[in-house]
PDB file of N, CA and C in Angstrom:
ATOM      1  N   MET A   1     127.695  99.954 -90.527  1.00  0.00           N
ATOM      2  CA  MET A   1     126.870 101.055 -90.970  1.00  0.00           C
ATOM      3  C   MET A   1     127.577 101.818 -92.091  1.00  0.00           C
ATOM      4  N   ARG A   2     126.765 102.512 -92.890  1.00  0.00           N
ATOM      5  CA  ARG A   2     127.303 103.382 -93.924  1.00  0.00           C
ATOM      6  C   ARG A   2     126.290 104.472 -94.224  1.00  0.00           C
ATOM      7  N   ILE A   3     126.741 105.573 -94.765  1.00  0.00           N
ATOM      8  CA  ILE A   3     125.839 106.654 -95.158  1.00  0.00           C
ATOM      9  C   ILE A   3     125.112 106.235 -96.428  1.00  0.00           C
ATOM     10  N   LEU A   4     123.793 106.338 -96.426  1.00  0.00           N
ATOM     11  CA  LEU A   4     122.994 105.990 -97.598  1.00  0.00           C
ATOM     12  C   LEU A   4     122.739 107.203 -98.487  1.00  0.00           C
ATOM     13  N   HIS A   5     122.201 108.258 -97.880  1.00  0.00           N
ATOM     14  CA  HIS A   5     121.912 109.456 -98.670  1.00  0.00           C
ATOM     15  C   HIS A   5     121.780 110.675 -97.776  1.00  0.00           C
ATOM     16  N   THR A   6     121.822 111.828 -98.417  1.00  0.00           N
ATOM     17  CA  THR A   6     121.516 113.106 -97.797  1.00  0.00           C
ATOM     18  C   THR A   6     120.277 113.634 -98.489  1.00  0.00           C
ATOM     19  N   MET A   7     119.300 114.104 -97.721  1.00  0.00           N
ATOM     20  CA  MET A   7     118.050 114.600 -98.298  1.00  0.00           C
ATOM     21  C   MET A   7     118.062 116.118 -98.333  1.00  0.00           C
ATOM     22  N   LEU A   8     117.710 116.667 -99.490  1.00  0.00           N
ATOM     23  CA  LEU A   8     117.553 118.108 -99.672  1.00  0.00           C
ATOM     24  C   LEU A   8     116.149 118.372-100.198  1.00  0.00           C
ATOM     25  N   ARG A   9     115.461 119.353 -99.622  1.00  0.00           N
ATOM     26  CA  ARG A   9     114.147 119.744-100.137  1.00  0.00           C
ATOM     27  C   ARG A   9     114.349 120.757-101.262  1.00  0.00           C
ATOM     28  N   THR A  10     113.575 120.606-102.312  1.00  0.00           N
ATOM     29  CA  THR A  10     113.716 121.473-103.476  1.00  0.00           C
ATOM     30  C   THR A  10     112.374 122.097-103.844  1.00  0.00           C
ATOM     31  N   GLY A  11     112.435 123.331-104.343  1.00  0.00           N
ATOM     32  CA  GLY A  11     111.223 124.027-104.755  1.00  0.00           C
ATOM     33  C   GLY A  11     110.820 123.730-106.192  1.00  0.00           C
ATOM     34  N   ASP A  12     111.716 123.170-106.980  1.00  0.00           N
ATOM     35  CA  ASP A  12     111.444 122.830-108.380  1.00  0.00           C
ATOM     36  C   ASP A  12     112.274 121.589-108.697  1.00  0.00           C
ATOM     37  N   LEU A  13     111.643 120.440-108.658  1.00  0.00           N
ATOM     38  CA  LEU A  13     112.369 119.181-108.784  1.00  0.00           C
ATOM     39  C   LEU A  13     113.077 119.033-110.125  1.00  0.00           C
ATOM     40  N   ASP A  14     112.406 119.378-111.202  1.00  0.00           N
ATOM     41  CA  ASP A  14     113.042 119.230-112.521  1.00  0.00           C
ATOM     42  C   ASP A  14     114.275 120.121-112.643  1.00  0.00           C
ATOM     43  N   ARG A  15     114.177 121.337-112.133  1.00  0.00           N
ATOM     44  CA  ARG A  15     115.321 122.258-112.158  1.00  0.00           C
ATOM     45  C   ARG A  15     116.485 121.673-111.354  1.00  0.00           C
ATOM     46  N   SER A  16     116.191 121.108-110.197  1.00  0.00           N
ATOM     47  CA  SER A  16     117.246 120.527-109.366  1.00  0.00           C
ATOM     48  C   SER A  16     117.841 119.285-110.007  1.00  0.00           C
ATOM     49  N   ILE A  17     117.023 118.443-110.602  1.00  0.00           N
ATOM     50  CA  ILE A  17     117.542 117.257-111.291  1.00  0.00           C
ATOM     51  C   ILE A  17     118.470 117.682-112.422  1.00  0.00           C
ATOM     52  N   ARG A  18     118.081 118.704-113.184  1.00  0.00           N
ATOM     53  CA  ARG A  18     118.947 119.207-114.266  1.00  0.00           C
ATOM     54  C   ARG A  18     120.281 119.687-113.703  1.00  0.00           C
ATOM     55  N   PHE A  19     120.262 120.421-112.590  1.00  0.00           N
ATOM     56  CA  PHE A  19     121.504 120.913-111.997  1.00  0.00           C
ATOM     57  C   PHE A  19     122.408 119.751-111.588  1.00  0.00           C
ATOM     58  N   TYR A  20     121.885 118.808-110.850  1.00  0.00           N
ATOM     59  CA  TYR A  20     122.724 117.716-110.340  1.00  0.00           C
ATOM     60  C   TYR A  20     123.185 116.770-111.447  1.00  0.00           C
ATOM     61  N   THR A  21     122.389 116.600-112.502  1.00  0.00           N
ATOM     62  CA  THR A  21     122.798 115.701-113.580  1.00  0.00           C
ATOM     63  C   THR A  21     123.607 116.430-114.656  1.00  0.00           C
ATOM     64  N   GLU A  22     123.118 117.554-115.146  1.00  0.00           N
ATOM     65  CA  GLU A  22     123.796 118.244-116.242  1.00  0.00           C
ATOM     66  C   GLU A  22     124.980 119.079-115.785  1.00  0.00           C
ATOM     67  N   VAL A  23     124.861 119.762-114.657  1.00  0.00           N
ATOM     68  CA  VAL A  23     125.940 120.643-114.203  1.00  0.00           C
ATOM     69  C   VAL A  23     126.981 119.867-113.398  1.00  0.00           C
ATOM     70  N   LEU A  24     126.520 119.011-112.470  1.00  0.00           N
ATOM     71  CA  LEU A  24     127.460 118.270-111.627  1.00  0.00           C
ATOM     72  C   LEU A  24     127.770 116.867-112.139  1.00  0.00           C
ATOM     73  N   GLY A  25     127.091 116.425-113.186  1.00  0.00           N
ATOM     74  CA  GLY A  25     127.424 115.151-113.823  1.00  0.00           C
ATOM     75  C   GLY A  25     126.941 113.900-113.104  1.00  0.00           C
ATOM     76  N   MET A  26     125.982 114.048-112.196  1.00  0.00           N
ATOM     77  CA  MET A  26     125.427 112.867-111.523  1.00  0.00           C
ATOM     78  C   MET A  26     124.426 112.188-112.435  1.00  0.00           C
ATOM     79  N   GLN A  27     123.986 111.020-112.031  1.00  0.00           N
ATOM     80  CA  GLN A  27     122.950 110.283-112.759  1.00  0.00           C
ATOM     81  C   GLN A  27     121.669 110.330-111.951  1.00  0.00           C
ATOM     82  N   LEU A  28     120.527 110.419-112.658  1.00  0.00           N
ATOM     83  CA  LEU A  28     119.243 110.254-111.995  1.00  0.00           C
ATOM     84  C   LEU A  28     119.055 108.756-111.799  1.00  0.00           C
ATOM     85  N   LEU A  29     119.057 108.310-110.563  1.00  0.00           N
ATOM     86  CA  LEU A  29     119.001 106.887-110.255  1.00  0.00           C
ATOM     87  C   LEU A  29     117.569 106.366-110.176  1.00  0.00           C
ATOM     88  N   ARG A  30     116.690 107.177-109.618  1.00  0.00           N
ATOM     89  CA  ARG A  30     115.278 106.809-109.568  1.00  0.00           C
ATOM     90  C   ARG A  30     114.459 108.017-109.154  1.00  0.00           C
ATOM     91  N   ARG A  31     113.174 107.952-109.513  1.00  0.00           N
ATOM     92  CA  ARG A  31     112.237 109.039-109.209  1.00  0.00           C
ATOM     93  C   ARG A  31     110.874 108.413-109.000  1.00  0.00           C
ATOM     94  N   LYS A  32     110.165 108.862-107.946  1.00  0.00           N
ATOM     95  CA  LYS A  32     108.851 108.286-107.683  1.00  0.00           C
ATOM     96  C   LYS A  32     107.937 109.319-107.047  1.00  0.00           C
ATOM     97  N   ASP A  33     106.702 109.371-107.556  1.00  0.00           N
ATOM     98  CA  ASP A  33     105.659 110.221-106.989  1.00  0.00           C
ATOM     99  C   ASP A  33     104.942 109.464-105.882  1.00  0.00           C
ATOM    100  N   TYR A  34     104.553 110.179-104.844  1.00  0.00           N
ATOM    101  CA  TYR A  34     103.769 109.634-103.737  1.00  0.00           C
ATOM    102  C   TYR A  34     102.510 110.483-103.608  1.00  0.00           C
ATOM    103  N   PRO A  35     101.488 110.202-104.456  1.00  0.00           N
ATOM    104  CA  PRO A  35     100.291 111.051-104.511  1.00  0.00           C
ATOM    105  C   PRO A  35      99.572 111.194-103.166  1.00  0.00           C
ATOM    106  N   GLU A  36      99.495 110.138-102.388  1.00  0.00           N
ATOM    107  CA  GLU A  36      98.797 110.249-101.106  1.00  0.00           C
ATOM    108  C   GLU A  36      99.520 111.178-100.149  1.00  0.00           C
ATOM    109  N   GLY A  37     100.845 111.221-100.231  1.00  0.00           N
ATOM    110  CA  GLY A  37     101.623 112.109 -99.378  1.00  0.00           C
ATOM    111  C   GLY A  37     101.894 113.459-100.009  1.00  0.00           C
ATOM    112  N   LYS A  38     101.551 113.601-101.296  1.00  0.00           N
ATOM    113  CA  LYS A  38     101.759 114.829-102.054  1.00  0.00           C
ATOM    114  C   LYS A  38     103.229 115.242-102.086  1.00  0.00           C
ATOM    115  N   PHE A  39     104.094 114.275-102.423  1.00  0.00           N
ATOM    116  CA  PHE A  39     105.508 114.576-102.588  1.00  0.00           C
ATOM    117  C   PHE A  39     106.110 113.648-103.627  1.00  0.00           C
ATOM    118  N   THR A  40     107.281 114.045-104.146  1.00  0.00           N
ATOM    119  CA  THR A  40     108.038 113.255-105.115  1.00  0.00           C
ATOM    120  C   THR A  40     109.473 113.171-104.618  1.00  0.00           C
ATOM    121  N   LEU A  41     110.056 111.988-104.752  1.00  0.00           N
ATOM    122  CA  LEU A  41     111.455 111.783-104.400  1.00  0.00           C
ATOM    123  C   LEU A  41     112.244 111.453-105.658  1.00  0.00           C
ATOM    124  N   ALA A  42     113.430 112.023-105.765  1.00  0.00           N
ATOM    125  CA  ALA A  42     114.357 111.687-106.848  1.00  0.00           C
ATOM    126  C   ALA A  42     115.724 111.478-106.212  1.00  0.00           C
ATOM    127  N   PHE A  43     116.404 110.419-106.613  1.00  0.00           N
ATOM    128  CA  PHE A  43     117.731 110.109-106.080  1.00  0.00           C
ATOM    129  C   PHE A  43     118.750 110.292-107.189  1.00  0.00           C
ATOM    130  N   VAL A  44     119.807 111.048-106.887  1.00  0.00           N
ATOM    131  CA  VAL A  44     120.874 111.311-107.849  1.00  0.00           C
ATOM    132  C   VAL A  44     122.208 110.955-107.203  1.00  0.00           C
ATOM    133  N   GLY A  45     123.174 110.575-108.045  1.00  0.00           N
ATOM    134  CA  GLY A  45     124.492 110.256-107.513  1.00  0.00           C
ATOM    135  C   GLY A  45     125.452 109.858-108.608  1.00  0.00           C
ATOM    136  N   TYR A  46     126.664 109.551-108.176  1.00  0.00           N
ATOM    137  CA  TYR A  46     127.722 109.149-109.108  1.00  0.00           C
ATOM    138  C   TYR A  46     127.844 107.644-109.246  1.00  0.00           C
ATOM    139  N   GLY A  47     127.146 106.904-108.418  1.00  0.00           N
ATOM    140  CA  GLY A  47     127.229 105.454-108.486  1.00  0.00           C
ATOM    141  C   GLY A  47     125.958 104.826-107.955  1.00  0.00           C
ATOM    142  N   ASN A  48     125.893 103.532-108.085  1.00  0.00           N
ATOM    143  CA  ASN A  48     124.756 102.751-107.633  1.00  0.00           C
ATOM    144  C   ASN A  48     124.526 102.952-106.137  1.00  0.00           C
ATOM    145  N   GLU A  49     123.273 103.060-105.748  1.00  0.00           N
ATOM    146  CA  GLU A  49     122.934 103.251-104.332  1.00  0.00           C
ATOM    147  C   GLU A  49     123.426 102.112-103.442  1.00  0.00           C
ATOM    148  N   ALA A  50     123.593 100.932-104.004  1.00  0.00           N
ATOM    149  CA  ALA A  50     124.068  99.797-103.209  1.00  0.00           C
ATOM    150  C   ALA A  50     125.514  99.993-102.761  1.00  0.00           C
ATOM    151  N   ASP A  51     126.270 100.820-103.498  1.00  0.00           N
ATOM    152  CA  ASP A  51     127.691 100.989-103.223  1.00  0.00           C
ATOM    153  C   ASP A  51     128.096 102.411-102.844  1.00  0.00           C
ATOM    154  N   SER A  52     127.262 103.389-103.163  1.00  0.00           N
ATOM    155  CA  SER A  52     127.650 104.793-102.996  1.00  0.00           C
ATOM    156  C   SER A  52     126.585 105.579-102.246  1.00  0.00           C
ATOM    157  N   ALA A  53     127.021 106.589-101.515  1.00  0.00           N
ATOM    158  CA  ALA A  53     126.074 107.528-100.920  1.00  0.00           C
ATOM    159  C   ALA A  53     125.514 108.404-102.045  1.00  0.00           C
ATOM    160  N   VAL A  54     124.249 108.784-101.940  1.00  0.00           N
ATOM    161  CA  VAL A  54     123.576 109.570-102.971  1.00  0.00           C
ATOM    162  C   VAL A  54     122.849 110.746-102.326  1.00  0.00           C
ATOM    163  N   ILE A  55     122.235 111.561-103.159  1.00  0.00           N
ATOM    164  CA  ILE A  55     121.432 112.682-102.683  1.00  0.00           C
ATOM    165  C   ILE A  55     119.972 112.405-103.021  1.00  0.00           C
ATOM    166  N   GLU A  56     119.127 112.551-102.019  1.00  0.00           N
ATOM    167  CA  GLU A  56     117.681 112.436-102.202  1.00  0.00           C
ATOM    168  C   GLU A  56     117.124 113.842-102.339  1.00  0.00           C
ATOM    169  N   LEU A  57     116.522 114.135-103.477  1.00  0.00           N
ATOM    170  CA  LEU A  57     115.860 115.413-103.698  1.00  0.00           C
ATOM    171  C   LEU A  57     114.377 115.213-103.415  1.00  0.00           C
ATOM    172  N   THR A  58     113.847 115.984-102.482  1.00  0.00           N
ATOM    173  CA  THR A  58     112.449 115.845-102.078  1.00  0.00           C
ATOM    174  C   THR A  58     111.680 117.079-102.515  1.00  0.00           C
ATOM    175  N   TYR A  59     110.616 116.849-103.286  1.00  0.00           N
ATOM    176  CA  TYR A  59     109.729 117.925-103.689  1.00  0.00           C
ATOM    177  C   TYR A  59     108.378 117.715-103.025  1.00  0.00           C
ATOM    178  N   ASN A  60     108.016 118.621-102.127  1.00  0.00           N
ATOM    179  CA  ASN A  60     106.687 118.611-101.507  1.00  0.00           C
ATOM    180  C   ASN A  60     105.785 119.449-102.400  1.00  0.00           C
ATOM    181  N   TRP A  61     104.777 118.798-102.968  1.00  0.00           N
ATOM    182  CA  TRP A  61     103.927 119.436-103.959  1.00  0.00           C
ATOM    183  C   TRP A  61     103.373 120.757-103.433  1.00  0.00           C
ATOM    184  N   GLY A  62     103.521 121.797-104.249  1.00  0.00           N
ATOM    185  CA  GLY A  62     102.977 123.103-103.908  1.00  0.00           C
ATOM    186  C   GLY A  62     103.914 123.985-103.102  1.00  0.00           C
ATOM    187  N   VAL A  63     105.073 123.468-102.698  1.00  0.00           N
ATOM    188  CA  VAL A  63     106.040 124.270-101.942  1.00  0.00           C
ATOM    189  C   VAL A  63     107.181 124.629-102.891  1.00  0.00           C
ATOM    190  N   ASP A  64     107.356 125.920-103.150  1.00  0.00           N
ATOM    191  CA  ASP A  64     108.371 126.299-104.134  1.00  0.00           C
ATOM    192  C   ASP A  64     109.612 126.938-103.521  1.00  0.00           C
ATOM    193  N   ARG A  65     109.680 127.023-102.180  1.00  0.00           N
ATOM    194  CA  ARG A  65     110.824 127.684-101.554  1.00  0.00           C
ATOM    195  C   ARG A  65     110.951 127.245-100.104  1.00  0.00           C
ATOM    196  N   TYR A  66     112.190 127.147 -99.629  1.00  0.00           N
ATOM    197  CA  TYR A  66     112.468 126.796 -98.237  1.00  0.00           C
ATOM    198  C   TYR A  66     113.485 127.763 -97.661  1.00  0.00           C
ATOM    199  N   GLU A  67     113.408 127.984 -96.363  1.00  0.00           N
ATOM    200  CA  GLU A  67     114.445 128.703 -95.641  1.00  0.00           C
ATOM    201  C   GLU A  67     115.507 127.670 -95.290  1.00  0.00           C
ATOM    202  N   LEU A  68     116.765 127.922 -95.650  1.00  0.00           N
ATOM    203  CA  LEU A  68     117.807 126.928 -95.430  1.00  0.00           C
ATOM    204  C   LEU A  68     118.242 126.850 -93.967  1.00  0.00           C
ATOM    205  N   GLY A  69     118.041 127.890 -93.216  1.00  0.00           N
ATOM    206  CA  GLY A  69     118.432 127.855 -91.818  1.00  0.00           C
ATOM    207  C   GLY A  69     119.939 128.022 -91.643  1.00  0.00           C
ATOM    208  N   THR A  70     120.388 127.945 -90.411  1.00  0.00           N
ATOM    209  CA  THR A  70     121.807 128.150 -90.125  1.00  0.00           C
ATOM    210  C   THR A  70     122.541 126.861 -89.797  1.00  0.00           C
ATOM    211  N   ALA A  71     121.860 125.742 -89.751  1.00  0.00           N
ATOM    212  CA  ALA A  71     122.515 124.477 -89.400  1.00  0.00           C
ATOM    213  C   ALA A  71     123.165 123.798 -90.610  1.00  0.00           C
ATOM    214  N   TYR A  72     122.613 123.980 -91.778  1.00  0.00           N
ATOM    215  CA  TYR A  72     123.147 123.329 -92.975  1.00  0.00           C
ATOM    216  C   TYR A  72     124.495 123.923 -93.326  1.00  0.00           C
ATOM    217  N   GLY A  73     125.457 123.073 -93.656  1.00  0.00           N
ATOM    218  CA  GLY A  73     126.775 123.532 -94.082  1.00  0.00           C
ATOM    219  C   GLY A  73     126.952 123.370 -95.572  1.00  0.00           C
ATOM    220  N   HIS A  74     127.303 122.158 -96.013  1.00  0.00           N
ATOM    221  CA  HIS A  74     127.521 121.914 -97.432  1.00  0.00           C
ATOM    222  C   HIS A  74     127.672 120.418 -97.685  1.00  0.00           C
ATOM    223  N   ILE A  75     127.614 120.081 -98.947  1.00  0.00           N
ATOM    224  CA  ILE A  75     127.957 118.751 -99.449  1.00  0.00           C
ATOM    225  C   ILE A  75     129.317 118.909-100.110  1.00  0.00           C
ATOM    226  N   ALA A  76     130.233 117.978 -99.912  1.00  0.00           N
ATOM    227  CA  ALA A  76     131.566 118.069-100.510  1.00  0.00           C
ATOM    228  C   ALA A  76     131.710 117.038-101.628  1.00  0.00           C
ATOM    229  N   LEU A  77     132.261 117.492-102.751  1.00  0.00           N
ATOM    230  CA  LEU A  77     132.543 116.629-103.896  1.00  0.00           C
ATOM    231  C   LEU A  77     134.019 116.737-104.259  1.00  0.00           C
ATOM    232  N   GLN A  78     134.654 115.601-104.489  1.00  0.00           N
ATOM    233  CA  GLN A  78     136.042 115.604-104.952  1.00  0.00           C
ATOM    234  C   GLN A  78     136.040 115.805-106.462  1.00  0.00           C
ATOM    235  N   VAL A  79     136.917 116.678-106.949  1.00  0.00           N
ATOM    236  CA  VAL A  79     137.018 116.932-108.386  1.00  0.00           C
ATOM    237  C   VAL A  79     138.467 116.777-108.825  1.00  0.00           C
ATOM    238  N   GLU A  80     138.649 116.368-110.072  1.00  0.00           N
ATOM    239  CA  GLU A  80     139.994 116.197-110.627  1.00  0.00           C
ATOM    240  C   GLU A  80     140.652 117.542-110.890  1.00  0.00           C
ATOM    241  N   ASP A  81     139.881 118.480-111.462  1.00  0.00           N
ATOM    242  CA  ASP A  81     140.410 119.796-111.842  1.00  0.00           C
ATOM    243  C   ASP A  81     139.418 120.844-111.352  1.00  0.00           C
ATOM    244  N   ILE A  82     139.734 121.483-110.259  1.00  0.00           N
ATOM    245  CA  ILE A  82     138.798 122.409-109.613  1.00  0.00           C
ATOM    246  C   ILE A  82     138.465 123.606-110.495  1.00  0.00           C
ATOM    247  N   HIS A  83     139.445 124.096-111.258  1.00  0.00           N
ATOM    248  CA  HIS A  83     139.192 125.235-112.151  1.00  0.00           C
ATOM    249  C   HIS A  83     138.251 124.835-113.277  1.00  0.00           C
ATOM    250  N   ALA A  84     138.461 123.663-113.866  1.00  0.00           N
ATOM    251  CA  ALA A  84     137.584 123.182-114.936  1.00  0.00           C
ATOM    252  C   ALA A  84     136.180 122.926-114.395  1.00  0.00           C
ATOM    253  N   ALA A  85     136.080 122.388-113.177  1.00  0.00           N
ATOM    254  CA  ALA A  85     134.768 122.119-112.580  1.00  0.00           C
ATOM    255  C   ALA A  85     133.993 123.421-112.383  1.00  0.00           C
ATOM    256  N   CYS A  86     134.653 124.459-111.890  1.00  0.00           N
ATOM    257  CA  CYS A  86     133.992 125.759-111.697  1.00  0.00           C
ATOM    258  C   CYS A  86     133.615 126.384-113.042  1.00  0.00           C
ATOM    259  N   ASP A  87     134.505 126.271-114.025  1.00  0.00           N
ATOM    260  CA  ASP A  87     134.196 126.797-115.362  1.00  0.00           C
ATOM    261  C   ASP A  87     132.974 126.107-115.942  1.00  0.00           C
ATOM    262  N   ARG A  88     132.870 124.805-115.729  1.00  0.00           N
ATOM    263  CA  ARG A  88     131.718 124.042-116.231  1.00  0.00           C
ATOM    264  C   ARG A  88     130.428 124.521-115.565  1.00  0.00           C
ATOM    265  N   VAL A  89     130.463 124.693-114.253  1.00  0.00           N
ATOM    266  CA  VAL A  89     129.281 125.173-113.528  1.00  0.00           C
ATOM    267  C   VAL A  89     128.844 126.522-114.101  1.00  0.00           C
ATOM    268  N   ARG A  90     129.791 127.441-114.250  1.00  0.00           N
ATOM    269  CA  ARG A  90     129.476 128.775-114.777  1.00  0.00           C
ATOM    270  C   ARG A  90     128.925 128.697-116.204  1.00  0.00           C
ATOM    271  N   SER A  91     129.548 127.868-117.050  1.00  0.00           N
ATOM    272  CA  SER A  91     129.131 127.793-118.459  1.00  0.00           C
ATOM    273  C   SER A  91     127.728 127.217-118.613  1.00  0.00           C
ATOM    274  N   LEU A  92     127.278 126.475-117.609  1.00  0.00           N
ATOM    275  CA  LEU A  92     125.942 125.890-117.652  1.00  0.00           C
ATOM    276  C   LEU A  92     124.943 126.696-116.821  1.00  0.00           C
ATOM    277  N   GLY A  93     125.327 127.915-116.460  1.00  0.00           N
ATOM    278  CA  GLY A  93     124.402 128.814-115.775  1.00  0.00           C
ATOM    279  C   GLY A  93     124.403 128.689-114.262  1.00  0.00           C
ATOM    280  N   GLY A  94     125.317 127.887-113.719  1.00  0.00           N
ATOM    281  CA  GLY A  94     125.395 127.726-112.273  1.00  0.00           C
ATOM    282  C   GLY A  94     126.141 128.872-111.618  1.00  0.00           C
ATOM    283  N   LYS A  95     126.112 128.882-110.290  1.00  0.00           N
ATOM    284  CA  LYS A  95     126.685 129.983-109.513  1.00  0.00           C
ATOM    285  C   LYS A  95     127.878 129.499-108.701  1.00  0.00           C
ATOM    286  N   VAL A  96     129.045 130.068-108.971  1.00  0.00           N
ATOM    287  CA  VAL A  96     130.244 129.808-108.166  1.00  0.00           C
ATOM    288  C   VAL A  96     130.289 130.903-107.109  1.00  0.00           C
ATOM    289  N   THR A  97     130.265 130.508-105.829  1.00  0.00           N
ATOM    290  CA  THR A  97     130.229 131.501-104.756  1.00  0.00           C
ATOM    291  C   THR A  97     131.588 131.716-104.094  1.00  0.00           C
ATOM    292  N   ARG A  98     132.511 130.807-104.322  1.00  0.00           N
ATOM    293  CA  ARG A  98     133.894 130.982-103.849  1.00  0.00           C
ATOM    294  C   ARG A  98     134.808 130.393-104.894  1.00  0.00           C
ATOM    295  N   GLU A  99     135.644 131.223-105.452  1.00  0.00           N
ATOM    296  CA  GLU A  99     136.559 130.783-106.499  1.00  0.00           C
ATOM    297  C   GLU A  99     137.593 129.801-105.931  1.00  0.00           C
ATOM    298  N   PRO A 100     138.171 128.953-106.780  1.00  0.00           N
ATOM    299  CA  PRO A 100     139.165 127.990-106.314  1.00  0.00           C
ATOM    300  C   PRO A 100     140.353 128.668-105.638  1.00  0.00           C
ATOM    301  N   GLY A 101     140.803 128.040-104.579  1.00  0.00           N
ATOM    302  CA  GLY A 101     141.964 128.533-103.861  1.00  0.00           C
ATOM    303  C   GLY A 101     142.147 127.747-102.581  1.00  0.00           C
ATOM    304  N   PRO A 102     143.256 127.996-101.890  1.00  0.00           N
ATOM    305  CA  PRO A 102     143.517 127.252-100.661  1.00  0.00           C
ATOM    306  C   PRO A 102     142.527 127.632 -99.562  1.00  0.00           C
ATOM    307  N   MET A 103     142.186 126.642 -98.733  1.00  0.00           N
ATOM    308  CA  MET A 103     141.293 126.932 -97.613  1.00  0.00           C
ATOM    309  C   MET A 103     141.995 127.824 -96.605  1.00  0.00           C
ATOM    310  N   LYS A 104     141.211 128.574 -95.889  1.00  0.00           N
ATOM    311  CA  LYS A 104     141.755 129.457 -94.859  1.00  0.00           C
ATOM    312  C   LYS A 104     142.425 128.595 -93.792  1.00  0.00           C
ATOM    313  N   HIS A 105     143.613 128.933 -93.418  1.00  0.00           N
ATOM    314  CA  HIS A 105     144.385 128.218 -92.393  1.00  0.00           C
ATOM    315  C   HIS A 105     144.784 126.812 -92.828  1.00  0.00           C
ATOM    316  N   GLY A 106     144.858 126.543 -94.130  1.00  0.00           N
ATOM    317  CA  GLY A 106     145.243 125.217 -94.592  1.00  0.00           C
ATOM    318  C   GLY A 106     145.751 125.258 -96.018  1.00  0.00           C
ATOM    319  N   THR A 107     145.932 124.084 -96.594  1.00  0.00           N
ATOM    320  CA  THR A 107     146.464 124.009 -97.953  1.00  0.00           C
ATOM    321  C   THR A 107     145.513 123.332 -98.937  1.00  0.00           C
ATOM    322  N   THR A 108     144.406 122.766 -98.458  1.00  0.00           N
ATOM    323  CA  THR A 108     143.457 122.115 -99.350  1.00  0.00           C
ATOM    324  C   THR A 108     142.907 123.135-100.334  1.00  0.00           C
ATOM    325  N   ASN A 109     142.910 122.778-101.632  1.00  0.00           N
ATOM    326  CA  ASN A 109     142.388 123.643-102.675  1.00  0.00           C
ATOM    327  C   ASN A 109     140.902 123.367-102.828  1.00  0.00           C
ATOM    328  N   LEU A 110     140.074 124.394-102.623  1.00  0.00           N
ATOM    329  CA  LEU A 110     138.629 124.193-102.664  1.00  0.00           C
ATOM    330  C   LEU A 110     137.921 125.365-103.309  1.00  0.00           C
ATOM    331  N   ALA A 111     136.642 125.144-103.620  1.00  0.00           N
ATOM    332  CA  ALA A 111     135.757 126.170-104.167  1.00  0.00           C
ATOM    333  C   ALA A 111     134.342 125.823-103.705  1.00  0.00           C
ATOM    334  N   PHE A 112     133.423 126.784-103.838  1.00  0.00           N
ATOM    335  CA  PHE A 112     132.023 126.528-103.496  1.00  0.00           C
ATOM    336  C   PHE A 112     131.121 126.960-104.641  1.00  0.00           C
ATOM    337  N   VAL A 113     130.081 126.167-104.865  1.00  0.00           N
ATOM    338  CA  VAL A 113     129.020 126.504-105.808  1.00  0.00           C
ATOM    339  C   VAL A 113     127.688 126.349-105.065  1.00  0.00           C
ATOM    340  N   GLU A 114     126.618 126.869-105.670  1.00  0.00           N
ATOM    341  CA  GLU A 114     125.287 126.722-105.089  1.00  0.00           C
ATOM    342  C   GLU A 114     124.376 126.027-106.069  1.00  0.00           C
ATOM    343  N   ASP A 115     123.496 125.183-105.535  1.00  0.00           N
ATOM    344  CA  ASP A 115     122.480 124.582-106.390  1.00  0.00           C
ATOM    345  C   ASP A 115     121.336 125.591-106.545  1.00  0.00           C
ATOM    346  N   PRO A 116     120.322 125.288-107.363  1.00  0.00           N
ATOM    347  CA  PRO A 116     119.258 126.267-107.619  1.00  0.00           C
ATOM    348  C   PRO A 116     118.467 126.685-106.376  1.00  0.00           C
ATOM    349  N   ASP A 117     118.489 125.873-105.322  1.00  0.00           N
ATOM    350  CA  ASP A 117     117.768 126.220-104.101  1.00  0.00           C
ATOM    351  C   ASP A 117     118.659 126.904-103.070  1.00  0.00           C
ATOM    352  N   GLY A 118     119.927 127.131-103.407  1.00  0.00           N
ATOM    353  CA  GLY A 118     120.834 127.826-102.510  1.00  0.00           C
ATOM    354  C   GLY A 118     121.677 126.925-101.625  1.00  0.00           C
ATOM    355  N   TYR A 119     121.569 125.603-101.802  1.00  0.00           N
ATOM    356  CA  TYR A 119     122.407 124.682-101.029  1.00  0.00           C
ATOM    357  C   TYR A 119     123.847 124.792-101.504  1.00  0.00           C
ATOM    358  N   ARG A 120     124.780 124.884-100.559  1.00  0.00           N
ATOM    359  CA  ARG A 120     126.189 125.016-100.892  1.00  0.00           C
ATOM    360  C   ARG A 120     126.816 123.657-101.160  1.00  0.00           C
ATOM    361  N   ILE A 121     127.655 123.614-102.196  1.00  0.00           N
ATOM    362  CA  ILE A 121     128.382 122.410-102.566  1.00  0.00           C
ATOM    363  C   ILE A 121     129.854 122.788-102.660  1.00  0.00           C
ATOM    364  N   GLU A 122     130.676 122.075-101.919  1.00  0.00           N
ATOM    365  CA  GLU A 122     132.113 122.332-101.897  1.00  0.00           C
ATOM    366  C   GLU A 122     132.799 121.405-102.889  1.00  0.00           C
ATOM    367  N   PHE A 123     133.650 121.976-103.723  1.00  0.00           N
ATOM    368  CA  PHE A 123     134.528 121.192-104.585  1.00  0.00           C
ATOM    369  C   PHE A 123     135.890 121.133-103.892  1.00  0.00           C
ATOM    370  N   ILE A 124     136.440 119.949-103.769  1.00  0.00           N
ATOM    371  CA  ILE A 124     137.766 119.770-103.200  1.00  0.00           C
ATOM    372  C   ILE A 124     138.650 119.154-104.268  1.00  0.00           C
ATOM    373  N   GLN A 125     139.769 119.822-104.556  1.00  0.00           N
ATOM    374  CA  GLN A 125     140.712 119.332-105.566  1.00  0.00           C
ATOM    375  C   GLN A 125     141.296 118.008-105.093  1.00  0.00           C
ATOM    376  N   ARG A 126     141.277 117.024-105.971  1.00  0.00           N
ATOM    377  CA  ARG A 126     141.856 115.716-105.641  1.00  0.00           C
ATOM    378  C   ARG A 126     143.330 115.833-105.435  1.00  0.00           C
TER     379      ARG A 126
END
């Protein structure tokens, strides 16, 4: 077994695709409308779906906002330079919610950013 993807619901698919591709540097791997179900799926990631886990962005037509709830934690991404990654997010209009620094009770260097729908993404320094 292996992880295939994580699904996130989005209120504005184009805005989310721009964030994941332009701000986080992922590739749009595929996108498909499902008119009978009134939804669109877009898959983004750093590598081919056959070899890498990806993110499925789901847009339910006519729904522009979701309550994230208390169960969702975050998606973690490894970065080469955590300070440069946060600077890039900020320079492209993204939101850094925790500046780079060591994790509480540990030594891992991490930071947090949010996507346009409020989903938290953790950067972990390589």
